[in-house]
Structures are given as structure tokens and as C-alpha cells.
C-alpha atoms as a PDB file:
ATOM      1  CA  MET A   1      56.276 140.200 116.478  1.00  0.00           C
ATOM      2  CA  SER A   2      59.567 138.332 116.139  1.00  0.00           C
ATOM      3  CA  PHE A   3      60.269 134.786 117.250  1.00  0.00           C
ATOM      4  CA  ARG A   4      62.558 136.126 119.965  1.00  0.00           C
ATOM      5  CA  THR A   5      59.771 138.322 121.353  1.00  0.00           C
ATOM      6  CA  ARG A   6      57.234 135.506 121.301  1.00  0.00           C
ATOM      7  CA  VAL A   7      59.452 133.143 123.305  1.00  0.00           C
ATOM      8  CA  HIS A   8      60.909 135.935 125.486  1.00  0.00           C
ATOM      9  CA  VAL A   9      64.552 135.238 124.616  1.00  0.00           C
ATOM     10  CA  SER A  10      66.924 138.197 124.803  1.00  0.00           C
ATOM     11  CA  GLY A  11      69.765 138.798 122.389  1.00  0.00           C
ATOM     12  CA  ARG A  12      72.175 138.418 125.297  1.00  0.00           C
ATOM     13  CA  ARG A  13      70.784 134.945 126.066  1.00  0.00           C
ATOM     14  CA  GLU A  14      71.072 133.958 122.428  1.00  0.00           C
ATOM     15  CA  GLY A  15      74.699 135.097 122.386  1.00  0.00           C
ATOM     16  CA  GLN A  16      75.417 133.076 125.519  1.00  0.00           C
ATOM     17  CA  LEU A  17      73.818 130.012 123.922  1.00  0.00           C
ATOM     18  CA  VAL A  18      75.986 130.467 120.836  1.00  0.00           C
ATOM     19  CA  ARG A  19      79.136 130.490 122.980  1.00  0.00           C
ATOM     20  CA  PHE A  20      77.955 127.438 124.939  1.00  0.00           C
ATOM     21  CA  LEU A  21      77.313 125.452 121.743  1.00  0.00           C
ATOM     22  CA  GLN A  22      80.693 126.475 120.339  1.00  0.00           C
ATOM     23  CA  LEU A  23      82.388 125.234 123.511  1.00  0.00           C
ATOM     24  CA  ALA A  24      80.395 122.004 123.262  1.00  0.00           C
ATOM     25  CA  MET A  25      81.575 121.520 119.673  1.00  0.00           C
ATOM     26  CA  ALA A  26      85.147 122.157 120.766  1.00  0.00           C
ATOM     27  CA  GLY A  27      84.646 119.427 123.367  1.00  0.00           C
ATOM     28  CA  ILE A  28      83.299 117.042 120.724  1.00  0.00           C
ATOM     29  CA  LEU A  29      86.334 117.839 118.572  1.00  0.00           C
ATOM     30  CA  VAL A  30      88.659 116.953 121.462  1.00  0.00           C
ATOM     31  CA  ILE A  31      86.772 113.689 122.073  1.00  0.00           C
ATOM     32  CA  GLY A  32      87.120 112.794 118.404  1.00  0.00           C
ATOM     33  CA  LEU A  33      90.859 113.480 118.493  1.00  0.00           C
ATOM     34  CA  LEU A  34      91.361 111.494 121.718  1.00  0.00           C
ATOM     35  CA  ARG A  35      89.433 108.558 120.273  1.00  0.00           C
ATOM     36  CA  GLY A  36      91.298 108.804 116.979  1.00  0.00           C
ATOM     37  CA  ASN A  37      87.915 109.042 115.261  1.00  0.00           C
ATOM     38  CA  SER A  38      88.299 111.181 112.146  1.00  0.00           C
ATOM     39  CA  GLY A  39      84.542 111.247 111.499  1.00  0.00           C
ATOM     40  CA  ILE A  40      83.775 112.908 114.834  1.00  0.00           C
ATOM     41  CA  ALA A  41      86.797 115.225 114.709  1.00  0.00           C
ATOM     42  CA  VAL A  42      86.291 116.439 111.139  1.00  0.00           C
ATOM     43  CA  ASN A  43      82.557 117.036 111.486  1.00  0.00           C
ATOM     44  CA  ALA A  44      82.978 118.888 114.786  1.00  0.00           C
ATOM     45  CA  GLY A  45      85.972 120.869 113.531  1.00  0.00           C
ATOM     46  CA  VAL A  46      84.319 121.967 110.295  1.00  0.00           C
ATOM     47  CA  GLY A  47      81.095 122.806 112.119  1.00  0.00           C
ATOM     48  CA  LEU A  48      82.995 124.892 114.664  1.00  0.00           C
ATOM     49  CA  LEU A  49      84.763 126.824 111.910  1.00  0.00           C
ATOM     50  CA  VAL A  50      81.456 127.554 110.191  1.00  0.00           C
ATOM     51  CA  THR A  51      80.095 129.117 113.398  1.00  0.00           C
ATOM     52  CA  PHE A  52      82.923 131.683 113.279  1.00  0.00           C
ATOM     53  CA  LEU A  53      82.113 132.782 109.717  1.00  0.00           C
ATOM     54  CA  PRO A  54      79.682 135.514 110.874  1.00  0.00           C
ATOM     55  CA  ALA A  55      82.421 137.080 113.024  1.00  0.00           C
ATOM     56  CA  LEU A  56      84.848 136.832 110.083  1.00  0.00           C
ATOM     57  CA  LEU A  57      82.381 138.522 107.723  1.00  0.00           C
ATOM     58  CA  GLU A  58      81.808 141.307 110.243  1.00  0.00           C
ATOM     59  CA  ARG A  59      85.514 141.903 110.828  1.00  0.00           C
ATOM     60  CA  ASN A  60      86.684 141.753 107.204  1.00  0.00           C
ATOM     61  CA  TYR A  61      83.635 142.952 105.256  1.00  0.00           C
ATOM     62  CA  HIS A  62      81.531 144.827 107.852  1.00  0.00           C
ATOM     63  CA  ILE A  63      78.565 142.522 107.249  1.00  0.00           C
ATOM     64  CA  THR A  64      76.756 142.069 110.550  1.00  0.00           C
ATOM     65  CA  MET A  65      74.379 139.176 111.119  1.00  0.00           C
ATOM     66  CA  SER A  66      71.780 139.322 113.858  1.00  0.00           C
ATOM     67  CA  VAL A  67      72.465 137.113 116.864  1.00  0.00           C
ATOM     68  CA  GLY A  68      69.375 135.106 115.915  1.00  0.00           C
ATOM     69  CA  ILE A  69      70.897 134.170 112.546  1.00  0.00           C
ATOM     70  CA  VAL A  70      74.213 133.305 114.229  1.00  0.00           C
ATOM     71  CA  LEU A  71      72.315 131.075 116.657  1.00  0.00           C
ATOM     72  CA  TRP A  72      70.491 129.425 113.744  1.00  0.00           C
ATOM     73  CA  ILE A  73      73.841 128.600 112.117  1.00  0.00           C
ATOM     74  CA  THR A  74      75.364 127.390 115.381  1.00  0.00           C
ATOM     75  CA  VAL A  75      72.455 125.129 116.324  1.00  0.00           C
ATOM     76  CA  ALA A  76      72.560 123.470 112.887  1.00  0.00           C
ATOM     77  CA  MET A  77      76.308 122.836 113.153  1.00  0.00           C
ATOM     78  CA  PHE A  78      76.096 121.607 116.758  1.00  0.00           C
ATOM     79  CA  LEU A  79      73.304 119.111 116.076  1.00  0.00           C
ATOM     80  CA  HIS A  80      75.281 117.692 113.157  1.00  0.00           C
ATOM     81  CA  ALA A  81      78.483 117.379 115.213  1.00  0.00           C
ATOM     82  CA  PHE A  82      76.647 115.934 118.222  1.00  0.00           C
ATOM     83  CA  GLY A  83      74.934 113.434 115.942  1.00  0.00           C
ATOM     84  CA  THR A  84      78.263 111.764 115.170  1.00  0.00           C
ATOM     85  CA  LEU A  85      79.150 111.178 118.835  1.00  0.00           C
ATOM     86  CA  SER A  86      78.587 107.672 120.204  1.00  0.00           C
ATOM     87  CA  LEU A  87      76.897 107.838 123.611  1.00  0.00           C
ATOM     88  CA  PRO A  88      76.619 105.256 126.439  1.00  0.00           C
ATOM     89  CA  ALA A  89      72.939 106.141 126.922  1.00  0.00           C
ATOM     90  CA  LEU A  90      72.303 105.056 123.327  1.00  0.00           C
ATOM     91  CA  GLY A  91      74.193 101.782 123.619  1.00  0.00           C
ATOM     92  CA  PHE A  92      77.359 103.478 122.353  1.00  0.00           C
ATOM     93  CA  LEU A  93      75.615 104.385 119.132  1.00  0.00           C
ATOM     94  CA  SER A  94      75.480 107.932 117.781  1.00  0.00           C
ATOM     95  CA  PRO A  95      72.200 109.836 117.404  1.00  0.00           C
ATOM     96  CA  TYR A  96      72.615 109.422 113.652  1.00  0.00           C
ATOM     97  CA  GLN A  97      72.706 105.636 114.109  1.00  0.00           C
ATOM     98  CA  SER A  98      70.087 105.267 116.828  1.00  0.00           C
ATOM     99  CA  THR A  99      67.530 107.973 116.035  1.00  0.00           C
ATOM    100  CA  TRP A 100      65.808 107.632 112.683  1.00  0.00           C
ATOM    101  CA  TRP A 101      64.831 111.292 112.361  1.00  0.00           C
ATOM    102  CA  TRP A 102      68.160 112.843 113.392  1.00  0.00           C
ATOM    103  CA  ASP A 103      69.652 112.760 109.893  1.00  0.00           C
ATOM    104  CA  HIS A 104      66.490 114.253 108.391  1.00  0.00           C
ATOM    105  CA  MET A 105      66.387 117.023 111.019  1.00  0.00           C
ATOM    106  CA  THR A 106      69.992 118.036 110.372  1.00  0.00           C
ATOM    107  CA  HIS A 107      69.427 117.939 106.609  1.00  0.00           C
ATOM    108  CA  ALA A 108      66.449 120.273 106.970  1.00  0.00           C
ATOM    109  CA  LEU A 109      68.463 122.678 109.139  1.00  0.00           C
ATOM    110  CA  SER A 110      71.537 122.580 106.908  1.00  0.00           C
ATOM    111  CA  SER A 111      69.479 123.094 103.757  1.00  0.00           C
ATOM    112  CA  SER A 112      67.757 126.057 105.398  1.00  0.00           C
ATOM    113  CA  LEU A 113      71.206 127.634 105.890  1.00  0.00           C
ATOM    114  CA  VAL A 114      72.056 127.076 102.225  1.00  0.00           C
ATOM    115  CA  ALA A 115      68.679 128.477 101.191  1.00  0.00           C
ATOM    116  CA  GLY A 116      69.131 131.462 103.508  1.00  0.00           C
ATOM    117  CA  ALA A 117      72.522 132.304 102.001  1.00  0.00           C
ATOM    118  CA  ALA A 118      71.105 131.920  98.484  1.00  0.00           C
ATOM    119  CA  TYR A 119      68.126 134.125  99.333  1.00  0.00           C
ATOM    120  CA  ALA A 120      70.237 136.926 100.810  1.00  0.00           C
ATOM    121  CA  VAL A 121      72.713 136.959  97.904  1.00  0.00           C
ATOM    122  CA  THR A 122      69.999 136.768  95.254  1.00  0.00           C
ATOM    123  CA  ARG A 123      67.924 139.517  96.859  1.00  0.00           C
ATOM    124  CA  ALA A 124      71.026 141.707  97.138  1.00  0.00           C
ATOM    125  CA  LEU A 125      71.813 141.150  93.443  1.00  0.00           C
ATOM    126  CA  GLU A 126      68.229 141.921  92.499  1.00  0.00           C
ATOM    127  CA  GLU A 127      68.361 145.269  94.280  1.00  0.00           C
ATOM    128  CA  HIS A 128      71.890 146.010  93.107  1.00  0.00           C
ATOM    129  CA  THR A 129      71.425 145.516  89.367  1.00  0.00           C
ATOM    130  CA  GLU A 130      68.596 146.045  86.918  1.00  0.00           C
ATOM    131  CA  TYR A 131      69.497 142.831  85.110  1.00  0.00           C
ATOM    132  CA  VAL A 132      68.151 140.579  87.855  1.00  0.00           C
ATOM    133  CA  GLU A 133      64.452 140.636  88.645  1.00  0.00           C
ATOM    134  CA  MET A 134      62.623 137.956  90.639  1.00  0.00           C
ATOM    135  CA  PRO A 135      58.937 138.350  91.443  1.00  0.00           C
ATOM    136  CA  PRO A 136      57.876 136.716  94.740  1.00  0.00           C
ATOM    137  CA  LYS A 137      56.405 133.613  93.083  1.00  0.00           C
ATOM    138  CA  PHE A 138      59.515 133.095  90.965  1.00  0.00           C
ATOM    139  CA  MET A 139      61.758 133.591  94.013  1.00  0.00           C
ATOM    140  CA  PHE A 140      59.738 130.945  95.849  1.00  0.00           C
ATOM    141  CA  VAL A 141      60.272 128.394  93.065  1.00  0.00           C
ATOM    142  CA  TYR A 142      63.909 129.420  92.650  1.00  0.00           C
ATOM    143  CA  MET A 143      64.647 128.772  96.322  1.00  0.00           C
ATOM    144  CA  LEU A 144      63.128 125.286  96.204  1.00  0.00           C
ATOM    145  CA  LEU A 145      64.957 124.358  93.000  1.00  0.00           C
ATOM    146  CA  PHE A 146      68.250 125.727  94.322  1.00  0.00           C
ATOM    147  CA  VAL A 147      68.021 123.719  97.532  1.00  0.00           C
ATOM    148  CA  MET A 148      66.982 120.550  95.694  1.00  0.00           C
ATOM    149  CA  ALA A 149      69.920 120.899  93.283  1.00  0.00           C
ATOM    150  CA  PHE A 150      72.350 121.522  96.133  1.00  0.00           C
ATOM    151  CA  GLY A 151      70.911 118.506  97.975  1.00  0.00           C
ATOM    152  CA  VAL A 152      71.570 116.243  95.003  1.00  0.00           C
ATOM    153  CA  ILE A 153      75.157 117.503  94.770  1.00  0.00           C
ATOM    154  CA  TRP A 154      75.630 116.943  98.515  1.00  0.00           C
ATOM    155  CA  GLU A 155      74.320 113.379  98.317  1.00  0.00           C
ATOM    156  CA  LEU A 156      76.809 112.683  95.509  1.00  0.00           C
ATOM    157  CA  ILE A 157      79.610 114.139  97.631  1.00  0.00           C
ATOM    158  CA  GLU A 158      78.592 111.898 100.550  1.00  0.00           C
ATOM    159  CA  PHE A 159      78.541 108.863  98.253  1.00  0.00           C
ATOM    160  CA  TYR A 160      81.971 109.452  96.738  1.00  0.00           C
ATOM    161  CA  ILE A 161      83.552 110.326 100.094  1.00  0.00           C
ATOM    162  CA  GLY A 162      82.208 106.994 101.353  1.00  0.00           C
ATOM    163  CA  VAL A 163      83.663 105.190  98.325  1.00  0.00           C
ATOM    164  CA  VAL A 164      87.082 106.789  98.816  1.00  0.00           C
ATOM    165  CA  SER A 165      87.034 106.010 102.561  1.00  0.00           C
ATOM    166  CA  THR A 166      86.273 102.355 101.791  1.00  0.00           C
ATOM    167  CA  LEU A 167      89.049 102.145  99.206  1.00  0.00           C
ATOM    168  CA  ILE A 168      91.703 103.576 101.520  1.00  0.00           C
ATOM    169  CA  GLY A 169      90.409 101.676 104.562  1.00  0.00           C
ATOM    170  CA  GLY A 170      89.669 104.788 106.580  1.00  0.00           C
ATOM    171  CA  GLU A 171      86.706 105.810 108.712  1.00  0.00           C
ATOM    172  CA  LYS A 172      83.722 107.366 106.987  1.00  0.00           C
ATOM    173  CA  ILE A 173      83.467 111.110 107.565  1.00  0.00           C
ATOM    174  CA  LEU A 174      80.026 111.305 105.969  1.00  0.00           C
ATOM    175  CA  THR A 175      77.644 108.356 105.914  1.00  0.00           C
ATOM    176  CA  GLN A 176      74.812 107.369 103.603  1.00  0.00           C
ATOM    177  CA  TYR A 177      72.146 104.959 104.797  1.00  0.00           C
ATOM    178  CA  GLY A 178      70.758 103.736 101.482  1.00  0.00           C
ATOM    179  CA  LEU A 179      68.595 104.967  98.611  1.00  0.00           C
ATOM    180  CA  ASP A 180      65.421 105.332 100.686  1.00  0.00           C
ATOM    181  CA  ASP A 181      67.301 107.495 103.185  1.00  0.00           C
ATOM    182  CA  THR A 182      68.704 109.626 100.364  1.00  0.00           C
ATOM    183  CA  ILE A 183      65.200 110.279  99.000  1.00  0.00           C
ATOM    184  CA  LEU A 184      64.010 111.278 102.475  1.00  0.00           C
ATOM    185  CA  ASP A 185      67.040 113.567 102.853  1.00  0.00           C
ATOM    186  CA  LEU A 186      66.067 115.356  99.634  1.00  0.00           C
ATOM    187  CA  ILE A 187      62.490 115.738 100.880  1.00  0.00           C
ATOM    188  CA  TYR A 188      63.682 117.261 104.155  1.00  0.00           C
ATOM    189  CA  ASN A 189      66.100 119.478 102.226  1.00  0.00           C
ATOM    190  CA  SER A 190      63.074 120.824 100.376  1.00  0.00           C
ATOM    191  CA  ILE A 191      61.311 121.465 103.687  1.00  0.00           C
ATOM    192  CA  GLY A 192      64.266 123.567 104.849  1.00  0.00           C
ATOM    193  CA  GLY A 193      64.195 125.515 101.583  1.00  0.00           C
ATOM    194  CA  LEU A 194      60.435 125.952 101.862  1.00  0.00           C
ATOM    195  CA  LEU A 195      60.744 127.504 105.318  1.00  0.00           C
ATOM    196  CA  VAL A 196      63.305 130.014 104.089  1.00  0.00           C
ATOM    197  CA  ALA A 197      61.206 130.805 101.004  1.00  0.00           C
ATOM    198  CA  ILE A 198      58.291 131.632 103.325  1.00  0.00           C
ATOM    199  CA  LEU A 199      60.189 133.401 106.120  1.00  0.00           C
ATOM    200  CA  GLY A 200      63.151 134.873 104.233  1.00  0.00           C
ATOM    201  CA  THR A 201      61.626 138.325 103.771  1.00  0.00           C
ATOM    202  CA  ALA A 202      61.013 138.695 107.503  1.00  0.00           C
ATOM    203  CA  TYR A 203      64.387 137.518 108.782  1.00  0.00           C
ATOM    204  CA  LEU A 204      66.956 137.976 106.004  1.00  0.00           C
ATOM    205  CA  THR A 205      66.118 141.367 104.494  1.00  0.00           C
ATOM    206  CA  ASP A 206      68.661 143.225 106.648  1.00  0.00           C
ATOM    207  CA  LEU A 207      71.432 140.824 105.639  1.00  0.00           C
ATOM    208  CA  ALA A 208      70.479 141.208 101.968  1.00  0.00           C
ATOM    209  CA  ASP A 209      70.590 145.015 102.325  1.00  0.00           C
ATOM    210  CA  GLN A 210      74.083 144.836 103.817  1.00  0.00           C
ATOM    211  CA  LEU A 211      75.266 142.649 100.954  1.00  0.00           C
ATOM    212  CA  ARG A 212      73.777 145.095  98.456  1.00  0.00           C
ATOM    213  CA  MET A 213      75.581 148.028 100.083  1.00  0.00           C
ATOM    214  CA  ARG A 214      78.813 146.040 100.018  1.00  0.00           C
ATOM    215  CA  MET A 215      78.338 145.411  96.287  1.00  0.00           C
ATOM    216  CA  GLU A 216      77.710 149.110  95.706  1.00  0.00           C
ATOM    217  CA  SER A 217      80.812 150.134  97.645  1.00  0.00           C
ATOM    218  CA  THR A 218      82.880 147.663  95.609  1.00  0.00           C
ATOM    219  CA  ASP A 219      81.647 149.176  92.345  1.00  0.00           C
ATOM    220  CA  GLN A 220      82.739 152.682  93.344  1.00  0.00           C
END
């Protein structure tokens, strides 16, 4: 039984929720532009673009993602964009600033997207060529290591973007909250990777099969 069946959510409802969250991100982008806040505008704009990647892959490469996966991507991008928005109800602080677990939640979601993409591509390669073989236990470890490595690279990117923003006197697009926060981010990144390592076979097999078929058609 799928998650959608258990919670009685139809594919149509999921599609409507995706559109609603995309509109909300567009609204956050406009707010960021009106405020002249590059942090809000860039995060909302990039997140909004990411939510259109599934449609781009379907149109250009005939790779179709289920509406559940599209919703997963959209929710992760929306929560990150919304987290940068300062709100009167929070004393004009953003959820990132006022809610201690918001950053960790978005890291877990974002890392699960990275892990999901890595899982689908790796599984497709494994089925496409005889030179790649990953038993289940090795795949499990590979996913965790991949996400942890990506998390370290991301933390370095955040750090250097912050350094450059300080040097040029601009607003920070990405913010780090200290070494302790960075360690917690890496832990929550691992949690996101762990979830994909456990659930990837159930929810990402179809996407991996489509990628494999695309690889085979390219070889012909």
C-alpha cells in the first residue's frame, strides 16, 4: 500500500498542491524583489525553477516522474524559500531565524532529494551496464556516503558564499549558524539519505527504469 493510499490523497489533489506551492513561491519571489532582499528573491527563484525540472525532463527527454515525486521536490523547495521570509507573527524574523529545527528539516528534505537522484541514476547505470554492480547492502552504504560527501561540499559552499557576501557588503543568500549547527546539518543530511536508502526501491524504481531506457536509446 502506497503512502498516497494510506492517507487517501489522490494524484489530482497532489497536482493541485504542487501548483499552489509554486504560486506561493512566486509570491515569495515577488516579496523579495519588492523588499530588495536578494536572499529571499534568489532562494525563492531558484527553488521555483527546480520545481519545473520534472516538466522539463518530461518534455525534452520523455522521463516522467510520478506526481508524488514532483510534490516531494516542490515541498522541499517551498519550505526552504518560506524559511527565508521574515514574518510579523514571528517578530519579523524568518522561520530559519526563529525556529531551531527549520534549518535541520530543510536539510533533511533537500538531502533526500539529492539521495533520490543519486539512487535513480546509480540503479539505472547498474541495470544498463555489466560494469556496475551494487548489492543492497553496498547500495545502502553508498547512499549514506554520497549524501554525507555532498553535505560537506554544500556546507563549504554556504561558508564561502557568506565570506564573499561579507567582503562585497551584500546580503547573505545562504546563512551558516556556527560549527554546532553545521554538524547538526550533516546529521540531518544523513537522515534524509537514510530514508531514501530504505524507501528508494519502493518509490524510485520506475524513475530508474526510465533512465535506463533513455541510456539504452542513446546507445543505439
